[in-house]
């Protein structure tokens, strides 16, 4: 039990640094993407909705075009 605990602690110490680095790198990128998406939301939403609508229409009703 003691050996397992020490191994587990070593693993946690090993993984904590990469996780912190990943979080530090990921959070600004995430916020940046969020702001960009928020700015582009209307255009992207319209286009994606149109694409989905046409894809569904063509798949469900291929005869009607």
C-alpha atoms as a PDB file:
ATOM      1  CA  UNK A   1       0.000   0.000   0.000  1.00  0.00           C
ATOM      2  CA  UNK A   2       2.798   2.435   0.892  1.00  0.00           C
ATOM      3  CA  UNK A   3       4.674   1.595  -2.321  1.00  0.00           C
ATOM      4  CA  UNK A   4       1.528   2.176  -4.387  1.00  0.00           C
ATOM      5  CA  UNK A   5       0.947   5.511  -2.664  1.00  0.00           C
ATOM      6  CA  UNK A   6       4.501   6.692  -3.328  1.00  0.00           C
ATOM      7  CA  UNK A   7       4.282   5.623  -6.992  1.00  0.00           C
ATOM      8  CA  UNK A   8       0.950   7.401  -7.341  1.00  0.00           C
ATOM      9  CA  UNK A   9       2.405  10.580  -5.816  1.00  0.00           C
ATOM     10  CA  UNK A  10       5.354  10.450  -8.219  1.00  0.00           C
ATOM     11  CA  UNK A  11       2.990  10.050 -11.168  1.00  0.00           C
ATOM     12  CA  UNK A  12       0.898  12.998  -9.943  1.00  0.00           C
ATOM     13  CA  UNK A  13       4.038  15.124  -9.628  1.00  0.00           C
ATOM     14  CA  UNK A  14       5.094  14.107 -13.143  1.00  0.00           C
ATOM     15  CA  UNK A  15       1.686  14.903 -14.666  1.00  0.00           C
ATOM     16  CA  UNK A  16       0.984  18.140 -12.776  1.00  0.00           C
ATOM     17  CA  UNK A  17       3.605  20.203 -14.655  1.00  0.00           C
ATOM     18  CA  UNK A  18       2.478  19.268 -18.204  1.00  0.00           C
ATOM     19  CA  UNK A  19      -1.127  19.831 -17.181  1.00  0.00           C
ATOM     20  CA  UNK A  20      -0.322  23.295 -15.849  1.00  0.00           C
ATOM     21  CA  UNK A  21       1.568  24.144 -19.041  1.00  0.00           C
ATOM     22  CA  UNK A  22      -1.314  22.833 -21.157  1.00  0.00           C
ATOM     23  CA  UNK A  23      -3.830  24.878 -19.167  1.00  0.00           C
ATOM     24  CA  UNK A  24      -1.674  28.012 -19.410  1.00  0.00           C
ATOM     25  CA  UNK A  25      -1.389  27.559 -23.175  1.00  0.00           C
ATOM     26  CA  UNK A  26      -4.981  26.419 -23.672  1.00  0.00           C
ATOM     27  CA  UNK A  27      -6.898  29.067 -21.736  1.00  0.00           C
ATOM     28  CA  UNK A  28      -5.746  32.114 -23.775  1.00  0.00           C
ATOM     29  CA  UNK A  29      -6.270  30.209 -27.011  1.00  0.00           C
ATOM     30  CA  UNK A  30      -9.741  29.222 -25.790  1.00  0.00           C
ATOM     31  CA  UNK A  31     -10.657  32.820 -24.942  1.00  0.00           C
ATOM     32  CA  UNK A  32      -9.239  34.023 -28.265  1.00  0.00           C
ATOM     33  CA  UNK A  33     -11.312  31.459 -30.156  1.00  0.00           C
ATOM     34  CA  UNK A  34     -14.377  32.358 -28.113  1.00  0.00           C
ATOM     35  CA  UNK A  35     -14.061  36.050 -28.945  1.00  0.00           C
ATOM     36  CA  UNK A  36     -13.522  35.283 -32.630  1.00  0.00           C
ATOM     37  CA  UNK A  37     -16.483  32.919 -32.683  1.00  0.00           C
ATOM     38  CA  UNK A  38     -18.608  35.487 -30.884  1.00  0.00           C
ATOM     39  CA  UNK A  39     -17.716  38.095 -33.518  1.00  0.00           C
ATOM     40  CA  UNK A  40     -18.231  35.725 -36.451  1.00  0.00           C
ATOM     41  CA  UNK A  41     -21.222  33.944 -34.947  1.00  0.00           C
ATOM     42  CA  UNK A  42     -23.934  35.477 -37.105  1.00  0.00           C
ATOM     43  CA  UNK A  43     -22.207  34.842 -40.439  1.00  0.00           C
ATOM     44  CA  UNK A  44     -21.053  31.351 -39.468  1.00  0.00           C
ATOM     45  CA  UNK A  45     -24.454  30.445 -38.044  1.00  0.00           C
ATOM     46  CA  UNK A  46     -26.279  31.526 -41.198  1.00  0.00           C
ATOM     47  CA  UNK A  47     -23.879  29.633 -43.441  1.00  0.00           C
ATOM     48  CA  UNK A  48     -23.877  26.468 -41.340  1.00  0.00           C
ATOM     49  CA  UNK A  49     -27.664  26.513 -41.023  1.00  0.00           C
ATOM     50  CA  UNK A  50     -28.001  26.912 -44.786  1.00  0.00           C
ATOM     51  CA  UNK A  51     -25.496  24.111 -45.428  1.00  0.00           C
ATOM     52  CA  UNK A  52     -27.214  21.777 -42.966  1.00  0.00           C
ATOM     53  CA  UNK A  53     -30.611  22.672 -44.400  1.00  0.00           C
ATOM     54  CA  UNK A  54     -29.530  21.957 -47.970  1.00  0.00           C
ATOM     55  CA  UNK A  55     -27.685  18.767 -46.981  1.00  0.00           C
ATOM     56  CA  UNK A  56     -30.753  17.481 -45.137  1.00  0.00           C
ATOM     57  CA  UNK A  57     -33.049  18.535 -47.972  1.00  0.00           C
ATOM     58  CA  UNK A  58     -30.914  16.801 -50.614  1.00  0.00           C
ATOM     59  CA  UNK A  59     -30.496  13.663 -48.488  1.00  0.00           C
ATOM     60  CA  UNK A  60     -34.100  13.331 -47.404  1.00  0.00           C
ATOM     61  CA  UNK A  61     -35.695  14.551 -50.631  1.00  0.00           C
ATOM     62  CA  UNK A  62     -33.269  13.910 -53.513  1.00  0.00           C
ATOM     63  CA  UNK A  63     -36.114  14.101 -56.069  1.00  0.00           C
ATOM     64  CA  UNK A  64     -37.150  17.617 -55.013  1.00  0.00           C
ATOM     65  CA  UNK A  65     -34.485  20.183 -55.923  1.00  0.00           C
END
